[in-house]
Amino acid sequence: TPLPPLQIGMTRYLMGQGGLYIESAPAWGHIIA
């Protein structure tokens, strides 16, 4: 099941196979860490 797109300006946490991640979509880019 694909993850829903993250709206600009929003931040969320993701539980993945490797652990916990943070995803963010500032106006200047896109981050998953």
Full PDB file with SEQRES, HELIX, SHEET, SSBOND, CRYST1, ORIGX, SCALE, CONECT and MASTER records, all heavy atoms in Angstrom:
SEQRES   1 A   33  THR PRO LEU PRO PRO LEU GLN ILE GLY MET THR ARG TYR          
SEQRES   2 A   33  LEU MET GLY GLN GLY GLY LEU TYR ILE GLU SER ALA PRO          
SEQRES   3 A   33  ALA TRP GLY HIS ILE ILE ALA                                  
SHEET    1 AA1 3 THR A  11  GLY A  16  0                                        
SHEET    2 AA1 3 GLY A  19  SER A  24 -1                                        
SHEET    3 AA1 3 ILE A  31  ILE A  32 -1                                        
CRYST1    1.000    1.000    1.000  90.00  90.00  90.00 P 1           1          
ORIGX1      1.000000  0.000000  0.000000        0.00000                         
ORIGX2      0.000000  1.000000  0.000000        0.00000                         
ORIGX3      0.000000  0.000000  1.000000        0.00000                         
SCALE1      1.000000  0.000000  0.000000        0.00000                         
SCALE2      0.000000  1.000000  0.000000        0.00000                         
SCALE3      0.000000  0.000000  1.000000        0.00000                         
ATOM      1  N   THR A   1       0.847  -1.196   0.000  1.00  0.00           N  
ATOM      2  CA  THR A   1       0.000   0.000   0.000  1.00  0.00           C  
ATOM      3  C   THR A   1       0.880   1.242   0.000  1.00  0.00           C  
ATOM      4  O   THR A   1       1.581   1.501   0.983  1.00  0.00           O  
ATOM      5  CB  THR A   1      -0.921   0.025   1.227  1.00  0.00           C  
ATOM      6  OG1 THR A   1      -1.686  -1.178   1.262  1.00  0.00           O  
ATOM      7  CG2 THR A   1      -1.863   1.222   1.169  1.00  0.00           C  
ATOM      8  N   PRO A   2       0.855   2.032  -1.081  1.00  0.00           N  
ATOM      9  CA  PRO A   2       1.682   3.241  -1.123  1.00  0.00           C  
ATOM     10  C   PRO A   2       1.264   4.232  -0.040  1.00  0.00           C  
ATOM     11  O   PRO A   2       0.076   4.345   0.306  1.00  0.00           O  
ATOM     12  CB  PRO A   2       1.407   3.806  -2.525  1.00  0.00           C  
ATOM     13  CG  PRO A   2       0.836   2.673  -3.307  1.00  0.00           C  
ATOM     14  CD  PRO A   2       0.103   1.808  -2.330  1.00  0.00           C  
ATOM     15  N   LEU A   3       2.233   4.951   0.473  1.00  0.00           N  
ATOM     16  CA  LEU A   3       1.929   6.001   1.442  1.00  0.00           C  
ATOM     17  C   LEU A   3       1.235   7.164   0.740  1.00  0.00           C  
ATOM     18  O   LEU A   3       1.576   7.499  -0.400  1.00  0.00           O  
ATOM     19  CB  LEU A   3       3.214   6.504   2.095  1.00  0.00           C  
ATOM     20  CG  LEU A   3       3.912   5.539   3.060  1.00  0.00           C  
ATOM     21  CD1 LEU A   3       5.315   6.028   3.366  1.00  0.00           C  
ATOM     22  CD2 LEU A   3       3.097   5.386   4.342  1.00  0.00           C  
ATOM     23  N   PRO A   4       0.258   7.799   1.384  1.00  0.00           N  
ATOM     24  CA  PRO A   4      -0.370   8.974   0.768  1.00  0.00           C  
ATOM     25  C   PRO A   4       0.644  10.111   0.649  1.00  0.00           C  
ATOM     26  O   PRO A   4       1.553  10.233   1.475  1.00  0.00           O  
ATOM     27  CB  PRO A   4      -1.491   9.324   1.747  1.00  0.00           C  
ATOM     28  CG  PRO A   4      -1.075   8.724   3.048  1.00  0.00           C  
ATOM     29  CD  PRO A   4      -0.302   7.490   2.708  1.00  0.00           C  
ATOM     30  N   PRO A   5       0.528  10.951  -0.397  1.00  0.00           N  
ATOM     31  CA  PRO A   5       1.466  12.076  -0.552  1.00  0.00           C  
ATOM     32  C   PRO A   5       1.431  12.990   0.669  1.00  0.00           C  
ATOM     33  O   PRO A   5       0.379  13.178   1.288  1.00  0.00           O  
ATOM     34  CB  PRO A   5       0.943  12.792  -1.802  1.00  0.00           C  
ATOM     35  CG  PRO A   5       0.120  11.780  -2.519  1.00  0.00           C  
ATOM     36  CD  PRO A   5      -0.476  10.903  -1.463  1.00  0.00           C  
ATOM     37  N   LEU A   6       2.582  13.535   0.992  1.00  0.00           N  
ATOM     38  CA  LEU A   6       2.690  14.465   2.117  1.00  0.00           C  
ATOM     39  C   LEU A   6       2.519  15.887   1.601  1.00  0.00           C  
ATOM     40  O   LEU A   6       3.230  16.318   0.691  1.00  0.00           O  
ATOM     41  CB  LEU A   6       4.045  14.308   2.801  1.00  0.00           C  
ATOM     42  CG  LEU A   6       4.287  15.163   4.052  1.00  0.00           C  
ATOM     43  CD1 LEU A   6       3.286  14.806   5.149  1.00  0.00           C  
ATOM     44  CD2 LEU A   6       5.723  14.974   4.546  1.00  0.00           C  
ATOM     45  N   GLN A   7       1.603  16.620   2.179  1.00  0.00           N  
ATOM     46  CA  GLN A   7       1.340  17.986   1.738  1.00  0.00           C  
ATOM     47  C   GLN A   7       2.477  18.912   2.124  1.00  0.00           C  
ATOM     48  O   GLN A   7       3.156  18.716   3.140  1.00  0.00           O  
ATOM     49  CB  GLN A   7       0.027  18.489   2.332  1.00  0.00           C  
ATOM     50  CG  GLN A   7      -1.211  17.755   1.862  1.00  0.00           C  
ATOM     51  CD  GLN A   7      -2.477  18.338   2.472  1.00  0.00           C  
ATOM     52  OE1 GLN A   7      -2.436  19.169   3.360  1.00  0.00           O  
ATOM     53  NE2 GLN A   7      -3.613  17.884   1.970  1.00  0.00           N  
ATOM     54  N   ILE A   8       2.702  19.947   1.323  1.00  0.00           N  
ATOM     55  CA  ILE A   8       3.745  20.937   1.587  1.00  0.00           C  
ATOM     56  C   ILE A   8       3.492  21.591   2.944  1.00  0.00           C  
ATOM     57  O   ILE A   8       2.372  21.972   3.279  1.00  0.00           O  
ATOM     58  CB  ILE A   8       3.789  21.991   0.477  1.00  0.00           C  
ATOM     59  CG1 ILE A   8       4.252  21.363  -0.829  1.00  0.00           C  
ATOM     60  CG2 ILE A   8       4.739  23.132   0.863  1.00  0.00           C  
ATOM     61  CD1 ILE A   8       4.243  22.308  -2.002  1.00  0.00           C  
ATOM     62  N   GLY A   9       4.542  21.683   3.711  1.00  0.00           N  
ATOM     63  CA  GLY A   9       4.454  22.300   5.035  1.00  0.00           C  
ATOM     64  C   GLY A   9       4.148  21.324   6.153  1.00  0.00           C  
ATOM     65  O   GLY A   9       4.127  21.715   7.325  1.00  0.00           O  
ATOM     66  N   MET A  10       3.934  20.045   5.820  1.00  0.00           N  
ATOM     67  CA  MET A  10       3.577  19.055   6.827  1.00  0.00           C  
ATOM     68  C   MET A  10       4.770  18.157   7.171  1.00  0.00           C  
ATOM     69  O   MET A  10       5.699  17.997   6.379  1.00  0.00           O  
ATOM     70  CB  MET A  10       2.408  18.206   6.341  1.00  0.00           C  
ATOM     71  CG  MET A  10       1.135  18.989   6.107  1.00  0.00           C  
ATOM     72  SD  MET A  10       0.515  19.777   7.625  1.00  0.00           S  
ATOM     73  CE  MET A  10       0.005  18.331   8.565  1.00  0.00           C  
ATOM     74  N   THR A  11       4.695  17.553   8.361  1.00  0.00           N  
ATOM     75  CA  THR A  11       5.714  16.619   8.844  1.00  0.00           C  
ATOM     76  C   THR A  11       5.009  15.421   9.465  1.00  0.00           C  
ATOM     77  O   THR A  11       3.987  15.574  10.128  1.00  0.00           O  
ATOM     78  CB  THR A  11       6.629  17.291   9.889  1.00  0.00           C  
ATOM     79  OG1 THR A  11       7.346  18.365   9.272  1.00  0.00           O  
ATOM     80  CG2 THR A  11       7.624  16.297  10.467  1.00  0.00           C  
ATOM     81  N   ARG A  12       5.557  14.222   9.236  1.00  0.00           N  
ATOM     82  CA  ARG A  12       4.974  13.024   9.831  1.00  0.00           C  
ATOM     83  C   ARG A  12       6.076  12.020  10.149  1.00  0.00           C  
ATOM     84  O   ARG A  12       7.211  12.134   9.664  1.00  0.00           O  
ATOM     85  CB  ARG A  12       3.946  12.394   8.890  1.00  0.00           C  
ATOM     86  CG  ARG A  12       4.527  11.844   7.592  1.00  0.00           C  
ATOM     87  CD  ARG A  12       3.410  11.438   6.628  1.00  0.00           C  
ATOM     88  NE  ARG A  12       3.946  10.924   5.364  1.00  0.00           N  
ATOM     89  CZ  ARG A  12       3.190  10.691   4.284  1.00  0.00           C  
ATOM     90  NH1 ARG A  12       1.884  10.925   4.310  1.00  0.00           N  
ATOM     91  NH2 ARG A  12       3.743  10.215   3.173  1.00  0.00           N  
ATOM     92  N   TYR A  13       5.726  11.030  10.951  1.00  0.00           N  
ATOM     93  CA  TYR A  13       6.641   9.949  11.285  1.00  0.00           C  
ATOM     94  C   TYR A  13       6.236   8.696  10.511  1.00  0.00           C  
ATOM     95  O   TYR A  13       5.048   8.469  10.257  1.00  0.00           O  
ATOM     96  CB  TYR A  13       6.627   9.666  12.788  1.00  0.00           C  
ATOM     97  CG  TYR A  13       7.088  10.830  13.627  1.00  0.00           C  
ATOM     98  CD1 TYR A  13       6.167  11.692  14.222  1.00  0.00           C  
ATOM     99  CD2 TYR A  13       8.441  11.085  13.804  1.00  0.00           C  
ATOM    100  CE1 TYR A  13       6.594  12.768  14.983  1.00  0.00           C  
ATOM    101  CE2 TYR A  13       8.882  12.164  14.564  1.00  0.00           C  
ATOM    102  CZ  TYR A  13       7.946  12.998  15.154  1.00  0.00           C  
ATOM    103  OH  TYR A  13       8.367  14.074  15.894  1.00  0.00           O  
ATOM    104  N   LEU A  14       7.235   7.896  10.158  1.00  0.00           N  
ATOM    105  CA  LEU A  14       6.998   6.660   9.420  1.00  0.00           C  
ATOM    106  C   LEU A  14       7.649   5.495  10.146  1.00  0.00           C  
ATOM    107  O   LEU A  14       8.827   5.563  10.522  1.00  0.00           O  
ATOM    108  CB  LEU A  14       7.593   6.753   8.006  1.00  0.00           C  
ATOM    109  CG  LEU A  14       7.122   7.905   7.109  1.00  0.00           C  
ATOM    110  CD1 LEU A  14       7.928   7.911   5.813  1.00  0.00           C  
ATOM    111  CD2 LEU A  14       5.628   7.796   6.822  1.00  0.00           C  
ATOM    112  N   MET A  15       6.894   4.436  10.336  1.00  0.00           N  
ATOM    113  CA  MET A  15       7.470   3.188  10.833  1.00  0.00           C  
ATOM    114  C   MET A  15       7.763   2.308   9.628  1.00  0.00           C  
ATOM    115  O   MET A  15       6.871   1.978   8.841  1.00  0.00           O  
ATOM    116  CB  MET A  15       6.498   2.476  11.765  1.00  0.00           C  
ATOM    117  CG  MET A  15       6.415   3.078  13.153  1.00  0.00           C  
ATOM    118  SD  MET A  15       7.998   3.095  14.049  1.00  0.00           S  
ATOM    119  CE  MET A  15       8.387   1.350  14.125  1.00  0.00           C  
ATOM    120  N   GLY A  16       9.042   1.994   9.441  1.00  0.00           N  
ATOM    121  CA  GLY A  16       9.454   1.180   8.311  1.00  0.00           C  
ATOM    122  C   GLY A  16      10.190  -0.061   8.760  1.00  0.00           C  
ATOM    123  O   GLY A  16      10.373  -0.310   9.957  1.00  0.00           O  
ATOM    124  N   GLN A  17      10.641  -0.811   7.785  1.00  0.00           N  
ATOM    125  CA  GLN A  17      11.341  -2.057   8.078  1.00  0.00           C  
ATOM    126  C   GLN A  17      12.582  -1.833   8.934  1.00  0.00           C  
ATOM    127  O   GLN A  17      12.936  -2.652   9.776  1.00  0.00           O  
ATOM    128  CB  GLN A  17      11.730  -2.731   6.764  1.00  0.00           C  
ATOM    129  CG  GLN A  17      12.286  -4.121   6.901  1.00  0.00           C  
ATOM    130  CD  GLN A  17      12.633  -4.720   5.548  1.00  0.00           C  
ATOM    131  OE1 GLN A  17      13.682  -4.458   4.987  1.00  0.00           O  
ATOM    132  NE2 GLN A  17      11.697  -5.505   5.005  1.00  0.00           N  
ATOM    133  N   GLY A  18      13.235  -0.675   8.722  1.00  0.00           N  
ATOM    134  CA  GLY A  18      14.475  -0.411   9.446  1.00  0.00           C  
ATOM    135  C   GLY A  18      14.313   0.332  10.747  1.00  0.00           C  
ATOM    136  O   GLY A  18      15.278   0.499  11.494  1.00  0.00           O  
ATOM    137  N   GLY A  19      13.093   0.823  11.046  1.00  0.00           N  
ATOM    138  CA  GLY A  19      12.900   1.568  12.285  1.00  0.00           C  
ATOM    139  C   GLY A  19      11.960   2.744  12.101  1.00  0.00           C  
ATOM    140  O   GLY A  19      11.041   2.709  11.283  1.00  0.00           O  
ATOM    141  N   LEU A  20      12.236   3.816  12.840  1.00  0.00           N  
ATOM    142  CA  LEU A  20      11.387   5.011  12.820  1.00  0.00           C  
ATOM    143  C   LEU A  20      12.061   6.113  12.005  1.00  0.00           C  
ATOM    144  O   LEU A  20      13.257   6.385  12.179  1.00  0.00           O  
ATOM    145  CB  LEU A  20      11.143   5.506  14.244  1.00  0.00           C  
ATOM    146  CG  LEU A  20      10.316   6.783  14.389  1.00  0.00           C  
ATOM    147  CD1 LEU A  20       8.876   6.554  13.919  1.00  0.00           C  
ATOM    148  CD2 LEU A  20      10.321   7.259  15.842  1.00  0.00           C  
ATOM    149  N   TYR A  21      11.282   6.756  11.143  1.00  0.00           N  
ATOM    150  CA  TYR A  21      11.784   7.821  10.272  1.00  0.00           C  
ATOM    151  C   TYR A  21      10.914   9.062  10.438  1.00  0.00           C  
ATOM    152  O   TYR A  21       9.761   8.970  10.877  1.00  0.00           O  
ATOM    153  CB  TYR A  21      11.749   7.385   8.804  1.00  0.00           C  
ATOM    154  CG  TYR A  21      12.561   6.146   8.510  1.00  0.00           C  
ATOM    155  CD1 TYR A  21      12.078   4.880   8.822  1.00  0.00           C  
ATOM    156  CD2 TYR A  21      13.822   6.242   7.932  1.00  0.00           C  
ATOM    157  CE1 TYR A  21      12.819   3.738   8.563  1.00  0.00           C  
ATOM    158  CE2 TYR A  21      14.568   5.110   7.671  1.00  0.00           C  
ATOM    159  CZ  TYR A  21      14.065   3.861   7.987  1.00  0.00           C  
ATOM    160  OH  TYR A  21      14.809   2.734   7.731  1.00  0.00           O  
ATOM    161  N   ILE A  22      11.463  10.197  10.076  1.00  0.00           N  
ATOM    162  CA  ILE A  22      10.689  11.428  10.011  1.00  0.00           C  
ATOM    163  C   ILE A  22      10.670  11.891   8.563  1.00  0.00           C  
ATOM    164  O   ILE A  22      11.704  11.847   7.872  1.00  0.00           O  
ATOM    165  CB  ILE A  22      11.253  12.521  10.951  1.00  0.00           C  
ATOM    166  CG1 ILE A  22      10.287  13.724  11.003  1.00  0.00           C  
ATOM    167  CG2 ILE A  22      12.663  12.947  10.564  1.00  0.00           C  
ATOM    168  CD1 ILE A  22      10.607  14.690  12.126  1.00  0.00           C  
ATOM    169  N   GLU A  23       9.507  12.305   8.106  1.00  0.00           N  
ATOM    170  CA  GLU A  23       9.340  12.796   6.737  1.00  0.00           C  
ATOM    171  C   GLU A  23       8.779  14.210   6.802  1.00  0.00           C  
ATOM    172  O   GLU A  23       7.844  14.478   7.560  1.00  0.00           O  
ATOM    173  CB  GLU A  23       8.401  11.900   5.943  1.00  0.00           C  
ATOM    174  CG  GLU A  23       8.202  12.360   4.495  1.00  0.00           C  
ATOM    175  CD  GLU A  23       7.221  11.507   3.719  1.00  0.00           C  
ATOM    176  OE1 GLU A  23       6.438  10.760   4.366  1.00  0.00           O  
ATOM    177  OE2 GLU A  23       7.224  11.573   2.476  1.00  0.00           O  
ATOM    178  N   SER A  24       9.355  15.089   6.008  1.00  0.00           N  
ATOM    179  CA  SER A  24       8.913  16.481   6.028  1.00  0.00           C  
ATOM    180  C   SER A  24       8.928  17.053   4.618  1.00  0.00           C  
ATOM    181  O   SER A  24       9.758  16.674   3.794  1.00  0.00           O  
ATOM    182  CB  SER A  24       9.825  17.314   6.941  1.00  0.00           C  
ATOM    183  OG  SER A  24       9.301  18.606   7.133  1.00  0.00           O  
ATOM    184  N   ALA A  25       8.000  17.977   4.365  1.00  0.00           N  
ATOM    185  CA  ALA A  25       7.887  18.595   3.043  1.00  0.00           C  
ATOM    186  C   ALA A  25       7.883  20.117   3.160  1.00  0.00           C  
ATOM    187  O   ALA A  25       6.838  20.758   2.984  1.00  0.00           O  
ATOM    188  CB  ALA A  25       6.627  18.110   2.337  1.00  0.00           C  
ATOM    189  N   PRO A  26       9.038  20.708   3.492  1.00  0.00           N  
ATOM    190  CA  PRO A  26       9.104  22.168   3.471  1.00  0.00           C  
ATOM    191  C   PRO A  26       8.934  22.675   2.047  1.00  0.00           C  
ATOM    192  O   PRO A  26       9.064  21.901   1.087  1.00  0.00           O  
ATOM    193  CB  PRO A  26      10.514  22.458   4.000  1.00  0.00           C  
ATOM    194  CG  PRO A  26      11.310  21.248   3.628  1.00  0.00           C  
ATOM    195  CD  PRO A  26      10.348  20.089   3.767  1.00  0.00           C  
ATOM    196  N   ALA A  27       8.669  23.959   1.898  1.00  0.00           N  
ATOM    197  CA  ALA A  27       8.453  24.519   0.561  1.00  0.00           C  
ATOM    198  C   ALA A  27       9.681  24.359  -0.326  1.00  0.00           C  
ATOM    199  O   ALA A  27       9.566  24.346  -1.555  1.00  0.00           O  
ATOM    200  CB  ALA A  27       8.068  25.992   0.669  1.00  0.00           C  
ATOM    201  N   TRP A  28      10.857  24.206   0.272  1.00  0.00           N  
ATOM    202  CA  TRP A  28      12.094  24.144  -0.510  1.00  0.00           C  
ATOM    203  C   TRP A  28      12.533  22.709  -0.853  1.00  0.00           C  
ATOM    204  O   TRP A  28      13.515  22.523  -1.567  1.00  0.00           O  
ATOM    205  CB  TRP A  28      13.243  24.861   0.203  1.00  0.00           C  
ATOM    206  CG  TRP A  28      13.502  24.441   1.619  1.00  0.00           C  
ATOM    207  CD1 TRP A  28      13.057  25.047   2.758  1.00  0.00           C  
ATOM    208  CD2 TRP A  28      14.286  23.316   2.068  1.00  0.00           C  
ATOM    209  NE1 TRP A  28      13.501  24.380   3.875  1.00  0.00           N  
ATOM    210  CE2 TRP A  28      14.258  23.319   3.477  1.00  0.00           C  
ATOM    211  CE3 TRP A  28      15.010  22.319   1.402  1.00  0.00           C  
ATOM    212  CZ2 TRP A  28      14.926  22.364   4.239  1.00  0.00           C  
ATOM    213  CZ3 TRP A  28      15.663  21.364   2.164  1.00  0.00           C  
ATOM    214  CH2 TRP A  28      15.627  21.399   3.550  1.00  0.00           C  
ATOM    215  N   GLY A  29      11.835  21.683  -0.333  1.00  0.00           N  
ATOM    216  CA  GLY A  29      12.315  20.342  -0.639  1.00  0.00           C  
ATOM    217  C   GLY A  29      11.491  19.243  -0.001  1.00  0.00           C  
ATOM    218  O   GLY A  29      10.334  19.427   0.387  1.00  0.00           O  
ATOM    219  N   HIS A  30      12.129  18.075   0.124  1.00  0.00           N  
ATOM    220  CA  HIS A  30      11.480  16.899   0.708  1.00  0.00           C  
ATOM    221  C   HIS A  30      12.544  16.092   1.438  1.00  0.00           C  
ATOM    222  O   HIS A  30      13.645  15.869   0.911  1.00  0.00           O  
ATOM    223  CB  HIS A  30      10.821  16.042  -0.373  1.00  0.00           C  
ATOM    224  CG  HIS A  30      10.083  14.873   0.163  1.00  0.00           C  
ATOM    225  ND1 HIS A  30      10.594  13.595   0.135  1.00  0.00           N  
ATOM    226  CD2 HIS A  30       8.863  14.775   0.762  1.00  0.00           C  
ATOM    227  CE1 HIS A  30       9.736  12.760   0.685  1.00  0.00           C  
ATOM    228  NE2 HIS A  30       8.675  13.439   1.067  1.00  0.00           N  
ATOM    229  N   ILE A  31      12.224  15.657   2.662  1.00  0.00           N  
ATOM    230  CA  ILE A  31      13.199  14.991   3.521  1.00  0.00           C  
ATOM    231  C   ILE A  31      12.606  13.721   4.106  1.00  0.00           C  
ATOM    232  O   ILE A  31      11.464  13.716   4.567  1.00  0.00           O  
ATOM    233  CB  ILE A  31      13.610  15.901   4.706  1.00  0.00           C  
ATOM    234  CG1 ILE A  31      14.115  17.261   4.217  1.00  0.00           C  
ATOM    235  CG2 ILE A  31      14.654  15.218   5.573  1.00  0.00           C  
ATOM    236  CD1 ILE A  31      14.034  18.338   5.277  1.00  0.00           C  
ATOM    237  N   ILE A  32      13.376  12.640   4.086  1.00  0.00           N  
ATOM    238  CA  ILE A  32      13.091  11.452   4.890  1.00  0.00           C  
ATOM    239  C   ILE A  32      14.390  11.103   5.612  1.00  0.00           C  
ATOM    240  O   ILE A  32      15.418  10.873   4.973  1.00  0.00           O  
ATOM    241  CB  ILE A  32      12.612  10.262   4.049  1.00  0.00           C  
ATOM    242  CG1 ILE A  32      11.294  10.590   3.334  1.00  0.00           C  
ATOM    243  CG2 ILE A  32      12.420   9.034   4.934  1.00  0.00           C  
ATOM    244  CD1 ILE A  32      10.776   9.460   2.460  1.00  0.00           C  
ATOM    245  N   ALA A  33      14.348  11.076   6.936  1.00  0.00           N  
ATOM    246  CA  ALA A  33      15.564  10.839   7.709  1.00  0.00           C  
ATOM    247  C   ALA A  33      15.289   9.843   8.829  1.00  0.00           C  
ATOM    248  O   ALA A  33      14.217   9.865   9.438  1.00  0.00           O  
ATOM    249  CB  ALA A  33      16.082  12.149   8.302  1.00  0.00           C  
TER     250      ALA A  33                                                      
MASTER        0    0    0    0    3    0    0    6  249    1    0    3          
END                                                                             
